[in-house]
N, C-alpha and C. Protein backbone atom coordinates (compact mmCIF):
# COMPACT_ATOMS: atom_id res chain seq x y z
N UNK A 1 0.81 -1.22 0.00
CA UNK A 1 0.00 0.00 0.00
C UNK A 1 0.85 1.27 0.00
N UNK A 2 2.18 1.08 0.05
CA UNK A 2 3.05 2.25 0.11
C UNK A 2 2.97 3.09 -1.16
N UNK A 3 2.58 2.47 -2.29
CA UNK A 3 2.51 3.20 -3.55
C UNK A 3 1.11 3.72 -3.84
N UNK A 4 0.24 3.70 -2.86
CA UNK A 4 -1.14 4.14 -3.04
C UNK A 4 -1.25 5.57 -3.56
N UNK A 5 -0.48 6.54 -3.04
CA UNK A 5 -0.58 7.90 -3.59
C UNK A 5 -0.29 7.97 -5.08
N UNK A 6 0.74 7.25 -5.52
CA UNK A 6 1.07 7.24 -6.95
C UNK A 6 -0.02 6.57 -7.77
N UNK A 7 -0.57 5.48 -7.24
CA UNK A 7 -1.64 4.79 -7.94
C UNK A 7 -2.88 5.68 -8.07
N UNK A 8 -3.14 6.47 -7.04
CA UNK A 8 -4.29 7.36 -7.08
C UNK A 8 -4.13 8.41 -8.19
N UNK A 9 -2.96 9.06 -8.25
CA UNK A 9 -2.76 10.07 -9.29
C UNK A 9 -2.75 9.44 -10.68
N UNK A 10 -2.21 8.24 -10.81
CA UNK A 10 -2.23 7.55 -12.09
C UNK A 10 -3.67 7.30 -12.53
N UNK A 11 -4.50 6.93 -11.57
CA UNK A 11 -5.91 6.67 -11.86
C UNK A 11 -6.61 7.93 -12.33
N UNK A 12 -6.40 9.03 -11.60
CA UNK A 12 -7.07 10.29 -11.96
C UNK A 12 -6.61 10.78 -13.33
N UNK A 13 -5.34 10.58 -13.64
CA UNK A 13 -4.80 11.06 -14.91
C UNK A 13 -5.06 10.10 -16.07
N UNK A 14 -5.49 8.90 -15.78
CA UNK A 14 -5.66 7.87 -16.80
C UNK A 14 -6.72 8.27 -17.83
N UNK A 15 -6.44 7.97 -19.10
CA UNK A 15 -7.37 8.30 -20.18
C UNK A 15 -8.69 7.54 -20.04
N UNK A 16 -8.66 6.42 -19.32
CA UNK A 16 -9.87 5.61 -19.13
C UNK A 16 -10.65 6.01 -17.88
N UNK A 17 -10.25 7.08 -17.25
CA UNK A 17 -10.89 7.48 -15.99
C UNK A 17 -12.39 7.68 -16.17
N UNK A 18 -12.80 8.32 -17.26
CA UNK A 18 -14.22 8.57 -17.48
C UNK A 18 -15.01 7.28 -17.54
N UNK A 19 -14.48 6.26 -18.22
CA UNK A 19 -15.18 4.98 -18.32
C UNK A 19 -15.28 4.31 -16.95
N UNK A 20 -14.21 4.42 -16.17
CA UNK A 20 -14.20 3.83 -14.83
C UNK A 20 -15.27 4.48 -13.97
N UNK A 21 -15.33 5.79 -14.00
CA UNK A 21 -16.29 6.51 -13.19
C UNK A 21 -17.72 6.23 -13.66
N UNK A 22 -17.89 6.06 -14.97
CA UNK A 22 -19.21 5.74 -15.49
C UNK A 22 -19.66 4.38 -14.96
N UNK A 23 -18.74 3.41 -14.95
CA UNK A 23 -19.07 2.09 -14.41
C UNK A 23 -19.41 2.18 -12.92
N UNK A 24 -18.62 2.98 -12.23
CA UNK A 24 -18.83 3.14 -10.79
C UNK A 24 -20.15 3.84 -10.51
N UNK A 25 -20.45 4.85 -11.34
CA UNK A 25 -21.67 5.62 -11.13
C UNK A 25 -22.93 4.80 -11.31
N UNK A 26 -22.84 3.71 -12.06
CA UNK A 26 -24.00 2.86 -12.28
C UNK A 26 -24.23 1.90 -11.12
N UNK A 27 -23.31 1.88 -10.18
CA UNK A 27 -23.40 0.98 -9.03
C UNK A 27 -23.47 1.80 -7.75
N UNK A 28 -24.41 1.49 -6.89
CA UNK A 28 -24.53 2.20 -5.63
C UNK A 28 -23.30 1.91 -4.77
N UNK A 29 -22.63 2.96 -4.31
CA UNK A 29 -21.42 2.78 -3.52
C UNK A 29 -21.72 1.99 -2.25
N UNK A 30 -22.90 2.16 -1.69
CA UNK A 30 -23.24 1.47 -0.45
C UNK A 30 -23.31 -0.04 -0.62
N UNK A 31 -23.55 -0.51 -1.85
CA UNK A 31 -23.67 -1.95 -2.07
C UNK A 31 -22.49 -2.53 -2.83
N UNK A 32 -21.54 -1.71 -3.17
CA UNK A 32 -20.46 -2.14 -4.04
C UNK A 32 -19.58 -3.21 -3.40
N UNK A 33 -19.49 -3.21 -2.08
CA UNK A 33 -18.65 -4.19 -1.40
C UNK A 33 -19.32 -5.57 -1.32
N UNK A 34 -20.64 -5.58 -1.34
CA UNK A 34 -21.37 -6.83 -1.18
C UNK A 34 -21.32 -7.71 -2.41
N UNK A 35 -21.40 -7.09 -3.59
CA UNK A 35 -21.47 -7.90 -4.80
C UNK A 35 -20.14 -8.01 -5.53
N UNK A 36 -19.09 -7.44 -4.96
CA UNK A 36 -17.77 -7.60 -5.56
C UNK A 36 -17.53 -6.77 -6.80
N UNK A 37 -18.42 -5.85 -7.12
CA UNK A 37 -18.27 -5.05 -8.33
C UNK A 37 -16.97 -4.27 -8.34
N UNK A 38 -16.57 -3.79 -7.18
CA UNK A 38 -15.37 -2.96 -7.10
C UNK A 38 -14.15 -3.67 -7.65
N UNK A 39 -14.08 -4.97 -7.42
CA UNK A 39 -12.92 -5.72 -7.89
C UNK A 39 -12.92 -5.88 -9.41
N UNK A 40 -14.06 -5.63 -10.02
CA UNK A 40 -14.16 -5.76 -11.48
C UNK A 40 -13.79 -4.47 -12.19
N UNK A 41 -13.51 -3.42 -11.44
CA UNK A 41 -13.07 -2.16 -12.05
C UNK A 41 -11.56 -2.10 -11.90
N UNK A 42 -10.81 -2.46 -12.96
CA UNK A 42 -9.37 -2.68 -12.87
C UNK A 42 -8.57 -1.56 -12.23
N UNK A 43 -8.81 -0.31 -12.67
CA UNK A 43 -7.99 0.79 -12.16
C UNK A 43 -8.23 0.99 -10.67
N UNK A 44 -9.48 0.98 -10.25
CA UNK A 44 -9.79 1.18 -8.84
C UNK A 44 -9.31 0.00 -8.01
N UNK A 45 -9.41 -1.19 -8.58
CA UNK A 45 -8.90 -2.36 -7.87
C UNK A 45 -7.43 -2.22 -7.59
N UNK A 46 -6.69 -1.66 -8.54
CA UNK A 46 -5.26 -1.45 -8.36
C UNK A 46 -4.99 -0.39 -7.32
N UNK A 47 -5.75 0.69 -7.38
CA UNK A 47 -5.56 1.79 -6.43
C UNK A 47 -5.82 1.34 -5.00
N UNK A 48 -6.89 0.63 -4.82
CA UNK A 48 -7.33 0.30 -3.47
C UNK A 48 -6.78 -1.02 -2.94
N UNK A 49 -6.03 -1.73 -3.77
CA UNK A 49 -5.43 -2.97 -3.32
C UNK A 49 -6.46 -3.99 -2.90
N UNK A 50 -7.45 -4.22 -3.77
CA UNK A 50 -8.57 -5.07 -3.38
C UNK A 50 -8.37 -6.54 -3.74
N UNK A 51 -7.12 -6.96 -3.96
CA UNK A 51 -6.88 -8.36 -4.27
C UNK A 51 -7.17 -9.23 -3.06
N UNK A 52 -7.04 -8.64 -1.87
CA UNK A 52 -7.32 -9.41 -0.66
C UNK A 52 -8.81 -9.71 -0.55
N UNK A 53 -9.12 -10.75 0.15
CA UNK A 53 -10.50 -11.23 0.20
C UNK A 53 -11.39 -10.40 1.11
N UNK A 54 -10.83 -9.83 2.13
CA UNK A 54 -11.66 -9.11 3.09
C UNK A 54 -11.15 -7.70 3.31
N UNK A 55 -12.05 -6.85 3.77
CA UNK A 55 -11.71 -5.48 4.12
C UNK A 55 -12.29 -5.20 5.50
N UNK A 56 -11.56 -4.45 6.30
CA UNK A 56 -12.06 -4.07 7.61
C UNK A 56 -13.10 -2.96 7.44
N UNK A 57 -13.85 -2.69 8.50
CA UNK A 57 -14.84 -1.61 8.45
C UNK A 57 -14.16 -0.29 8.14
N UNK A 58 -12.99 -0.07 8.74
CA UNK A 58 -12.25 1.17 8.48
C UNK A 58 -11.85 1.26 7.01
N UNK A 59 -11.43 0.13 6.44
CA UNK A 59 -11.07 0.11 5.02
C UNK A 59 -12.27 0.48 4.16
N UNK A 60 -13.43 -0.06 4.49
CA UNK A 60 -14.63 0.20 3.70
C UNK A 60 -15.07 1.65 3.81
N UNK A 61 -14.99 2.22 5.00
CA UNK A 61 -15.36 3.62 5.18
C UNK A 61 -14.43 4.53 4.39
N UNK A 62 -13.14 4.24 4.46
CA UNK A 62 -12.17 5.05 3.71
C UNK A 62 -12.41 4.89 2.21
N UNK A 63 -12.64 3.65 1.76
CA UNK A 63 -12.88 3.39 0.35
C UNK A 63 -14.12 4.14 -0.15
N UNK A 64 -15.18 4.13 0.65
CA UNK A 64 -16.40 4.85 0.27
C UNK A 64 -16.11 6.34 0.12
N UNK A 65 -15.34 6.91 1.03
CA UNK A 65 -15.00 8.33 0.94
C UNK A 65 -14.16 8.60 -0.32
N UNK A 66 -13.21 7.71 -0.60
CA UNK A 66 -12.36 7.90 -1.77
C UNK A 66 -13.16 7.80 -3.07
N UNK A 67 -14.04 6.82 -3.15
CA UNK A 67 -14.87 6.67 -4.35
C UNK A 67 -15.81 7.86 -4.53
N UNK A 68 -16.35 8.34 -3.43
CA UNK A 68 -17.22 9.52 -3.49
C UNK A 68 -16.44 10.72 -4.01
N UNK A 69 -15.21 10.87 -3.54
CA UNK A 69 -14.33 11.95 -4.03
C UNK A 69 -14.12 11.82 -5.54
N UNK A 70 -13.78 10.61 -6.00
CA UNK A 70 -13.49 10.40 -7.41
C UNK A 70 -14.70 10.66 -8.30
N UNK A 71 -15.88 10.34 -7.80
CA UNK A 71 -17.10 10.56 -8.59
C UNK A 71 -17.31 12.03 -8.93
N UNK A 72 -16.82 12.91 -8.10
CA UNK A 72 -17.01 14.34 -8.35
C UNK A 72 -16.18 14.82 -9.55
N UNK A 73 -15.22 14.01 -9.98
CA UNK A 73 -14.33 14.42 -11.07
C UNK A 73 -14.80 13.89 -12.42
N UNK A 74 -15.99 13.33 -12.48
CA UNK A 74 -16.43 12.64 -13.68
C UNK A 74 -16.59 13.55 -14.89
N UNK A 75 -16.79 14.84 -14.67
CA UNK A 75 -16.98 15.76 -15.80
C UNK A 75 -15.73 16.52 -16.19
N UNK A 76 -14.59 16.12 -15.65
CA UNK A 76 -13.32 16.77 -16.01
C UNK A 76 -12.68 16.02 -17.17
N UNK A 77 -11.85 16.72 -17.94
CA UNK A 77 -11.21 16.07 -19.08
C UNK A 77 -9.78 15.63 -18.74
N UNK A 78 -9.30 14.65 -19.46
CA UNK A 78 -8.00 14.04 -19.18
C UNK A 78 -6.87 15.06 -19.22
N UNK A 79 -6.85 15.90 -20.21
CA UNK A 79 -5.77 16.88 -20.37
C UNK A 79 -5.67 17.79 -19.16
N UNK A 80 -6.80 18.30 -18.69
CA UNK A 80 -6.79 19.21 -17.54
C UNK A 80 -6.35 18.49 -16.27
N UNK A 81 -6.82 17.26 -16.09
CA UNK A 81 -6.43 16.50 -14.90
C UNK A 81 -4.91 16.28 -14.87
N UNK A 82 -4.36 15.89 -16.00
CA UNK A 82 -2.91 15.65 -16.07
C UNK A 82 -2.13 16.94 -15.82
N UNK A 83 -2.53 18.00 -16.48
CA UNK A 83 -1.80 19.27 -16.37
C UNK A 83 -1.81 19.81 -14.95
N UNK A 84 -2.97 19.80 -14.32
CA UNK A 84 -3.08 20.39 -12.99
C UNK A 84 -2.37 19.56 -11.92
N UNK A 85 -2.41 18.25 -12.06
CA UNK A 85 -1.70 17.40 -11.10
C UNK A 85 -0.19 17.51 -11.30
N UNK A 86 0.24 17.46 -12.56
CA UNK A 86 1.68 17.54 -12.85
C UNK A 86 2.26 18.90 -12.43
N UNK A 87 1.44 19.94 -12.53
CA UNK A 87 1.91 21.28 -12.16
C UNK A 87 2.35 21.32 -10.70
N UNK A 88 1.60 20.66 -9.83
CA UNK A 88 1.94 20.64 -8.41
C UNK A 88 3.04 19.62 -8.13
N UNK A 89 2.92 18.43 -8.72
CA UNK A 89 3.90 17.38 -8.46
C UNK A 89 5.31 17.76 -8.93
N UNK A 90 5.39 18.62 -9.94
CA UNK A 90 6.69 19.03 -10.48
C UNK A 90 7.19 20.35 -9.91
N UNK A 91 6.43 20.93 -9.01
CA UNK A 91 6.83 22.21 -8.41
C UNK A 91 7.64 21.94 -7.14
N UNK A 92 8.90 22.38 -7.10
CA UNK A 92 9.75 22.11 -5.93
C UNK A 92 9.25 22.79 -4.65
N UNK A 93 8.35 23.75 -4.78
CA UNK A 93 7.83 24.43 -3.60
C UNK A 93 6.87 23.55 -2.80
N UNK A 94 6.35 22.50 -3.43
CA UNK A 94 5.43 21.60 -2.75
C UNK A 94 6.15 20.30 -2.41
N UNK A 95 6.29 20.03 -1.14
CA UNK A 95 7.02 18.84 -0.69
C UNK A 95 6.15 17.59 -0.66
N UNK A 96 4.83 17.77 -0.73
CA UNK A 96 3.91 16.64 -0.70
C UNK A 96 3.21 16.52 -2.04
N UNK A 97 3.29 15.34 -2.65
CA UNK A 97 2.67 15.11 -3.93
C UNK A 97 1.15 15.16 -3.80
N UNK A 98 0.47 15.41 -4.92
CA UNK A 98 -0.98 15.56 -4.91
C UNK A 98 -1.67 14.31 -4.39
N UNK A 99 -1.25 13.13 -4.84
CA UNK A 99 -1.89 11.90 -4.41
C UNK A 99 -1.83 11.72 -2.91
N UNK A 100 -0.66 11.96 -2.33
CA UNK A 100 -0.50 11.82 -0.88
C UNK A 100 -1.35 12.84 -0.14
N UNK A 101 -1.39 14.06 -0.64
CA UNK A 101 -2.17 15.11 0.02
C UNK A 101 -3.67 14.78 -0.02
N UNK A 102 -4.15 14.31 -1.17
CA UNK A 102 -5.57 13.97 -1.29
C UNK A 102 -5.94 12.86 -0.32
N UNK A 103 -5.11 11.83 -0.24
CA UNK A 103 -5.39 10.72 0.66
C UNK A 103 -5.43 11.19 2.12
N UNK A 104 -4.52 12.08 2.45
CA UNK A 104 -4.49 12.62 3.82
C UNK A 104 -5.77 13.40 4.11
N UNK A 105 -6.19 14.24 3.16
CA UNK A 105 -7.40 15.05 3.35
C UNK A 105 -8.63 14.16 3.47
N UNK A 106 -8.74 13.17 2.60
CA UNK A 106 -9.90 12.27 2.62
C UNK A 106 -9.94 11.47 3.92
N UNK A 107 -8.78 11.05 4.38
CA UNK A 107 -8.71 10.30 5.63
C UNK A 107 -9.24 11.13 6.80
N UNK A 108 -9.04 12.45 6.73
CA UNK A 108 -9.50 13.34 7.79
C UNK A 108 -11.00 13.63 7.71
N UNK A 109 -11.62 13.37 6.55
CA UNK A 109 -13.06 13.61 6.41
C UNK A 109 -13.83 12.66 7.31
N UNK A 110 -14.83 13.19 8.01
CA UNK A 110 -15.59 12.34 8.93
C UNK A 110 -16.54 11.42 8.22
N UNK A 111 -16.93 11.76 6.98
CA UNK A 111 -17.84 10.89 6.23
C UNK A 111 -17.76 11.20 4.74
N UNK A 112 -18.53 10.45 3.95
CA UNK A 112 -18.47 10.60 2.49
C UNK A 112 -19.09 11.92 2.01
N UNK A 113 -19.97 12.51 2.80
CA UNK A 113 -20.54 13.80 2.40
C UNK A 113 -19.46 14.88 2.33
N UNK A 114 -18.59 14.87 3.31
CA UNK A 114 -17.49 15.83 3.27
C UNK A 114 -16.53 15.49 2.14
N UNK A 115 -16.33 14.20 1.89
CA UNK A 115 -15.46 13.79 0.78
C UNK A 115 -16.01 14.29 -0.55
N UNK A 116 -17.34 14.35 -0.66
CA UNK A 116 -17.95 14.88 -1.88
C UNK A 116 -17.64 16.37 -2.04
N UNK A 117 -17.71 17.11 -0.95
CA UNK A 117 -17.35 18.52 -1.00
C UNK A 117 -15.89 18.69 -1.44
N UNK A 118 -15.01 17.86 -0.88
CA UNK A 118 -13.59 17.94 -1.24
C UNK A 118 -13.42 17.63 -2.72
N UNK A 119 -14.15 16.62 -3.21
CA UNK A 119 -14.06 16.26 -4.62
C UNK A 119 -14.52 17.39 -5.53
N UNK A 120 -15.59 18.08 -5.14
CA UNK A 120 -16.08 19.20 -5.94
C UNK A 120 -15.06 20.34 -5.96
N UNK A 121 -14.41 20.56 -4.83
CA UNK A 121 -13.38 21.60 -4.79
C UNK A 121 -12.18 21.22 -5.66
N UNK A 122 -11.82 19.94 -5.64
CA UNK A 122 -10.69 19.52 -6.48
C UNK A 122 -11.07 19.61 -7.96
N UNK A 123 -12.33 19.36 -8.26
CA UNK A 123 -12.81 19.56 -9.63
C UNK A 123 -12.62 21.03 -10.03
N UNK A 124 -12.95 21.93 -9.11
CA UNK A 124 -12.77 23.36 -9.37
C UNK A 124 -11.31 23.70 -9.59
N UNK A 125 -10.41 23.03 -8.85
CA UNK A 125 -8.98 23.24 -9.05
C UNK A 125 -8.57 22.77 -10.45
N UNK A 126 -9.03 21.60 -10.85
CA UNK A 126 -8.71 21.07 -12.18
C UNK A 126 -9.20 22.01 -13.27
N UNK A 127 -10.36 22.60 -13.05
CA UNK A 127 -10.95 23.51 -14.04
C UNK A 127 -10.44 24.94 -13.89
N UNK A 128 -9.44 25.12 -13.02
CA UNK A 128 -8.78 26.41 -12.79
C UNK A 128 -9.74 27.49 -12.28
N UNK A 129 -10.72 27.06 -11.51
CA UNK A 129 -11.60 28.01 -10.83
C UNK A 129 -11.10 28.29 -9.42
N UNK A 130 -10.07 27.55 -9.02
CA UNK A 130 -9.58 27.61 -7.64
C UNK A 130 -8.09 27.34 -7.63
N UNK A 131 -7.32 28.17 -6.94
CA UNK A 131 -5.89 27.93 -6.79
C UNK A 131 -5.66 26.74 -5.86
N UNK A 132 -4.55 26.04 -6.07
CA UNK A 132 -4.27 24.85 -5.27
C UNK A 132 -4.18 25.21 -3.79
N UNK A 133 -3.55 26.34 -3.47
CA UNK A 133 -3.44 26.75 -2.07
C UNK A 133 -4.82 26.96 -1.44
N UNK A 134 -5.73 27.54 -2.21
CA UNK A 134 -7.09 27.74 -1.69
C UNK A 134 -7.85 26.43 -1.59
N UNK A 135 -7.54 25.48 -2.47
CA UNK A 135 -8.12 24.14 -2.34
C UNK A 135 -7.72 23.54 -0.99
N UNK A 136 -6.45 23.68 -0.63
CA UNK A 136 -5.97 23.15 0.64
C UNK A 136 -6.60 23.89 1.82
N UNK A 137 -6.69 25.21 1.73
CA UNK A 137 -7.31 26.00 2.80
C UNK A 137 -8.78 25.62 2.98
N UNK A 138 -9.49 25.54 1.86
CA UNK A 138 -10.92 25.20 1.91
C UNK A 138 -11.13 23.80 2.47
N UNK A 139 -10.26 22.87 2.10
CA UNK A 139 -10.36 21.50 2.61
C UNK A 139 -10.20 21.46 4.12
N UNK A 140 -9.28 22.28 4.62
CA UNK A 140 -9.07 22.34 6.07
C UNK A 140 -10.28 22.91 6.77
N UNK A 141 -10.88 23.94 6.19
CA UNK A 141 -12.09 24.52 6.77
C UNK A 141 -13.20 23.49 6.86
N UNK A 142 -13.37 22.72 5.80
CA UNK A 142 -14.41 21.70 5.77
C UNK A 142 -14.15 20.63 6.82
N UNK A 143 -12.90 20.24 6.96
CA UNK A 143 -12.53 19.24 7.97
C UNK A 143 -12.92 19.68 9.37
N UNK A 144 -12.74 20.96 9.67
CA UNK A 144 -12.92 21.47 11.02
C UNK A 144 -14.35 21.91 11.34
N UNK A 145 -15.24 21.84 10.36
CA UNK A 145 -16.61 22.33 10.56
C UNK A 145 -17.60 21.19 10.72
N UNK A 146 -18.47 21.32 11.70
CA UNK A 146 -19.55 20.35 11.91
C UNK A 146 -20.40 20.31 10.64
N UNK A 147 -20.68 19.11 10.13
CA UNK A 147 -21.32 18.95 8.82
C UNK A 147 -22.64 19.71 8.71
N UNK A 148 -23.48 19.65 9.75
CA UNK A 148 -24.77 20.34 9.70
C UNK A 148 -24.56 21.84 9.52
N UNK A 149 -23.61 22.41 10.27
CA UNK A 149 -23.32 23.84 10.14
C UNK A 149 -22.75 24.16 8.77
N UNK A 150 -21.91 23.28 8.26
CA UNK A 150 -21.31 23.50 6.95
C UNK A 150 -22.37 23.57 5.86
N UNK A 151 -23.33 22.65 5.91
CA UNK A 151 -24.40 22.64 4.92
C UNK A 151 -25.21 23.94 4.97
N UNK A 152 -25.56 24.37 6.18
CA UNK A 152 -26.35 25.60 6.32
C UNK A 152 -25.53 26.82 5.91
N UNK A 153 -24.24 26.82 6.24
CA UNK A 153 -23.36 27.93 5.87
C UNK A 153 -23.35 28.11 4.36
N UNK A 154 -23.31 26.99 3.63
CA UNK A 154 -23.27 27.05 2.18
C UNK A 154 -24.65 27.39 1.60
N UNK A 155 -25.66 26.67 2.04
CA UNK A 155 -27.00 26.82 1.47
C UNK A 155 -27.63 28.17 1.78
N UNK A 156 -27.47 28.62 3.02
CA UNK A 156 -28.13 29.86 3.45
C UNK A 156 -27.24 31.09 3.32
N UNK A 157 -26.04 30.88 2.77
CA UNK A 157 -25.10 31.99 2.55
C UNK A 157 -24.88 32.81 3.81
N UNK A 158 -24.60 32.12 4.90
CA UNK A 158 -24.35 32.82 6.16
C UNK A 158 -23.27 33.87 5.97
N UNK A 159 -23.54 35.08 6.51
CA UNK A 159 -22.54 36.14 6.43
C UNK A 159 -22.46 36.90 7.74
N UNK A 160 -23.27 37.93 7.90
CA UNK A 160 -23.25 38.72 9.14
C UNK A 160 -23.97 37.98 10.27
N UNK A 161 -23.26 37.77 11.37
CA UNK A 161 -23.84 37.07 12.51
C UNK A 161 -23.27 37.63 13.80
N UNK A 162 -23.99 37.40 14.87
CA UNK A 162 -23.46 37.72 16.18
C UNK A 162 -22.42 36.67 16.56
N UNK A 163 -21.48 37.05 17.40
CA UNK A 163 -20.39 36.16 17.77
C UNK A 163 -20.92 34.85 18.38
N UNK A 164 -21.93 34.98 19.23
CA UNK A 164 -22.44 33.79 19.92
C UNK A 164 -23.17 32.84 18.97
N UNK A 165 -23.62 33.35 17.82
CA UNK A 165 -24.31 32.51 16.85
C UNK A 165 -23.35 31.74 15.97
N UNK A 166 -22.15 32.26 15.83
CA UNK A 166 -21.20 31.69 14.88
C UNK A 166 -20.63 30.35 15.31
N UNK A 167 -20.63 30.10 16.61
CA UNK A 167 -20.12 28.83 17.10
C UNK A 167 -18.67 28.60 16.71
N UNK A 168 -18.40 27.44 16.10
CA UNK A 168 -17.04 27.07 15.73
C UNK A 168 -16.64 27.56 14.34
N UNK A 169 -17.52 28.31 13.68
CA UNK A 169 -17.23 28.72 12.31
C UNK A 169 -16.05 29.67 12.22
N UNK A 170 -15.81 30.43 13.29
CA UNK A 170 -14.63 31.30 13.30
C UNK A 170 -13.38 30.45 13.44
N UNK A 171 -13.43 29.49 14.35
CA UNK A 171 -12.28 28.62 14.56
C UNK A 171 -11.94 27.77 13.35
N UNK A 172 -12.94 27.43 12.55
CA UNK A 172 -12.69 26.61 11.36
C UNK A 172 -12.19 27.44 10.18
N UNK A 173 -12.31 28.76 10.29
CA UNK A 173 -11.84 29.62 9.21
C UNK A 173 -12.91 30.05 8.23
N UNK A 174 -14.13 29.56 8.39
CA UNK A 174 -15.20 29.94 7.47
C UNK A 174 -15.68 31.36 7.71
N UNK A 175 -15.55 31.83 8.96
CA UNK A 175 -15.96 33.18 9.29
C UNK A 175 -14.86 33.88 10.05
N UNK A 176 -14.89 35.18 10.04
CA UNK A 176 -13.87 35.96 10.73
C UNK A 176 -14.52 37.02 11.61
N UNK A 177 -13.92 37.29 12.75
CA UNK A 177 -14.48 38.25 13.71
C UNK A 177 -14.09 39.68 13.32
N UNK A 178 -15.07 40.57 13.40
CA UNK A 178 -14.86 41.99 13.08
C UNK A 178 -15.23 42.81 14.31
N UNK A 179 -14.26 43.57 14.82
CA UNK A 179 -14.52 44.42 15.98
C UNK A 179 -14.72 45.85 15.53
N UNK A 180 -15.83 46.45 15.99
CA UNK A 180 -16.11 47.85 15.70
C UNK A 180 -16.04 48.64 16.99
N UNK A 181 -15.07 49.57 17.08
CA UNK A 181 -14.92 50.35 18.32
C UNK A 181 -16.16 51.19 18.62
N UNK A 182 -16.38 51.45 19.89
CA UNK A 182 -17.50 52.29 20.29
C UNK A 182 -17.21 53.76 20.00
N UNK A 183 -18.23 54.56 20.03
CA UNK A 183 -18.08 56.00 19.76
C UNK A 183 -17.25 56.65 20.88
N UNK A 184 -16.29 57.44 20.46
CA UNK A 184 -15.40 58.09 21.43
C UNK A 184 -15.76 59.56 21.58
N UNK A 185 -15.97 59.96 22.80
CA UNK A 185 -16.22 61.38 23.10
C UNK A 185 -15.15 61.84 24.09
N UNK A 186 -15.16 63.10 24.44
CA UNK A 186 -14.14 63.64 25.33
C UNK A 186 -14.14 62.89 26.67
N UNK A 187 -13.04 62.19 26.90
CA UNK A 187 -12.88 61.50 28.17
C UNK A 187 -13.72 60.24 28.31
N UNK A 188 -14.35 59.81 27.24
CA UNK A 188 -15.21 58.64 27.36
C UNK A 188 -15.21 57.84 26.05
N UNK A 189 -15.11 56.53 26.19
CA UNK A 189 -15.15 55.65 25.02
C UNK A 189 -16.28 54.64 25.21
N UNK A 190 -17.21 54.63 24.28
CA UNK A 190 -18.31 53.68 24.37
C UNK A 190 -17.86 52.26 24.08
N UNK A 191 -18.64 51.31 24.51
CA UNK A 191 -18.28 49.92 24.27
C UNK A 191 -18.43 49.58 22.78
N UNK A 192 -17.51 48.76 22.29
CA UNK A 192 -17.54 48.37 20.89
C UNK A 192 -18.40 47.14 20.68
N UNK A 193 -18.51 46.71 19.43
CA UNK A 193 -19.29 45.52 19.09
C UNK A 193 -18.40 44.51 18.35
N UNK A 194 -18.70 43.26 18.56
CA UNK A 194 -17.95 42.19 17.91
C UNK A 194 -18.93 41.32 17.13
N UNK A 195 -18.78 41.32 15.82
CA UNK A 195 -19.62 40.49 14.95
C UNK A 195 -18.73 39.65 14.05
N UNK A 196 -19.35 38.72 13.38
CA UNK A 196 -18.57 37.88 12.47
C UNK A 196 -19.14 37.97 11.06
N UNK A 197 -18.25 37.84 10.09
CA UNK A 197 -18.63 37.81 8.68
C UNK A 197 -17.94 36.63 8.02
N UNK A 198 -18.52 36.18 6.90
CA UNK A 198 -17.89 35.10 6.16
C UNK A 198 -16.49 35.55 5.72
N UNK A 199 -15.51 34.69 5.93
CA UNK A 199 -14.14 35.02 5.53
C UNK A 199 -14.00 34.91 4.02
N UNK A 200 -12.85 35.31 3.51
CA UNK A 200 -12.61 35.21 2.08
C UNK A 200 -12.73 33.78 1.59
N UNK A 201 -12.12 32.85 2.31
CA UNK A 201 -12.18 31.44 1.90
C UNK A 201 -13.59 30.90 2.12
N UNK A 202 -14.28 31.42 3.14
CA UNK A 202 -15.65 31.00 3.38
C UNK A 202 -16.57 31.39 2.23
N UNK A 203 -16.43 32.62 1.74
CA UNK A 203 -17.24 33.07 0.61
C UNK A 203 -16.94 32.26 -0.64
N UNK A 204 -15.66 31.90 -0.81
CA UNK A 204 -15.27 31.09 -1.95
C UNK A 204 -15.93 29.72 -1.89
N UNK A 205 -15.95 29.13 -0.70
CA UNK A 205 -16.61 27.84 -0.50
C UNK A 205 -18.10 27.94 -0.80
N UNK A 206 -18.74 29.00 -0.30
CA UNK A 206 -20.17 29.19 -0.55
C UNK A 206 -20.44 29.27 -2.05
N UNK A 207 -19.60 29.98 -2.76
CA UNK A 207 -19.81 30.18 -4.20
C UNK A 207 -19.57 28.90 -4.98
N UNK A 208 -18.48 28.20 -4.69
CA UNK A 208 -18.12 27.02 -5.47
C UNK A 208 -18.96 25.80 -5.15
N UNK A 209 -19.46 25.70 -3.93
CA UNK A 209 -20.22 24.52 -3.52
C UNK A 209 -21.73 24.76 -3.50
N UNK A 210 -22.16 25.87 -4.01
CA UNK A 210 -23.59 26.17 -4.10
C UNK A 210 -24.21 25.33 -5.21
N UNK A 211 -24.99 24.32 -4.85
CA UNK A 211 -25.57 23.43 -5.85
C UNK A 211 -26.87 23.95 -6.44
N UNK A 212 -27.22 25.19 -6.11
CA UNK A 212 -28.44 25.77 -6.67
C UNK A 212 -28.16 26.51 -7.97
N UNK A 213 -26.87 26.64 -8.32
CA UNK A 213 -26.54 27.38 -9.54
C UNK A 213 -26.68 26.50 -10.78
């Protein structure tokens, strides 16, 4: 399994990726382990090392998250996938290859719903709607946010809120605190106010993950 990151990037860059995803899309991920379909998809079988007869629950949960991530890339073209991955893998400023970074991010996702969000963001990176650094920042924000709050933040376009309403959204980076000083008069300063607004990366997440567009 040590070569899993390389196998993952090879899979994403493969010219047959679209066919693989089409086959996968026709099969419910929740039932894919029961009927052995996954082993019949050569590229994914290689990536996930499914030659073994059994998988642990942890293996299955991780696999489901990874497959959910890959499904989000089904509308990307081979040329763009290759170019965008190679751009990072060949840049000496990045010490971690794309495949390894994606696996690390997916492993941190609490469930497949978050993995889907990560996949959509990576699709945006491939389509050059999002810089790689912002993909990493956005992924971290998603990791640190309670899923229910994340969904509402995106769907309801949360922006101006009171500090006590924001909960962990400031800590996750989706929102930022804004302090407004109180009115100052001679010898007296009024109390200020502290509110929160969607951060730059938060607004980007709202825009890119808005499924109503």
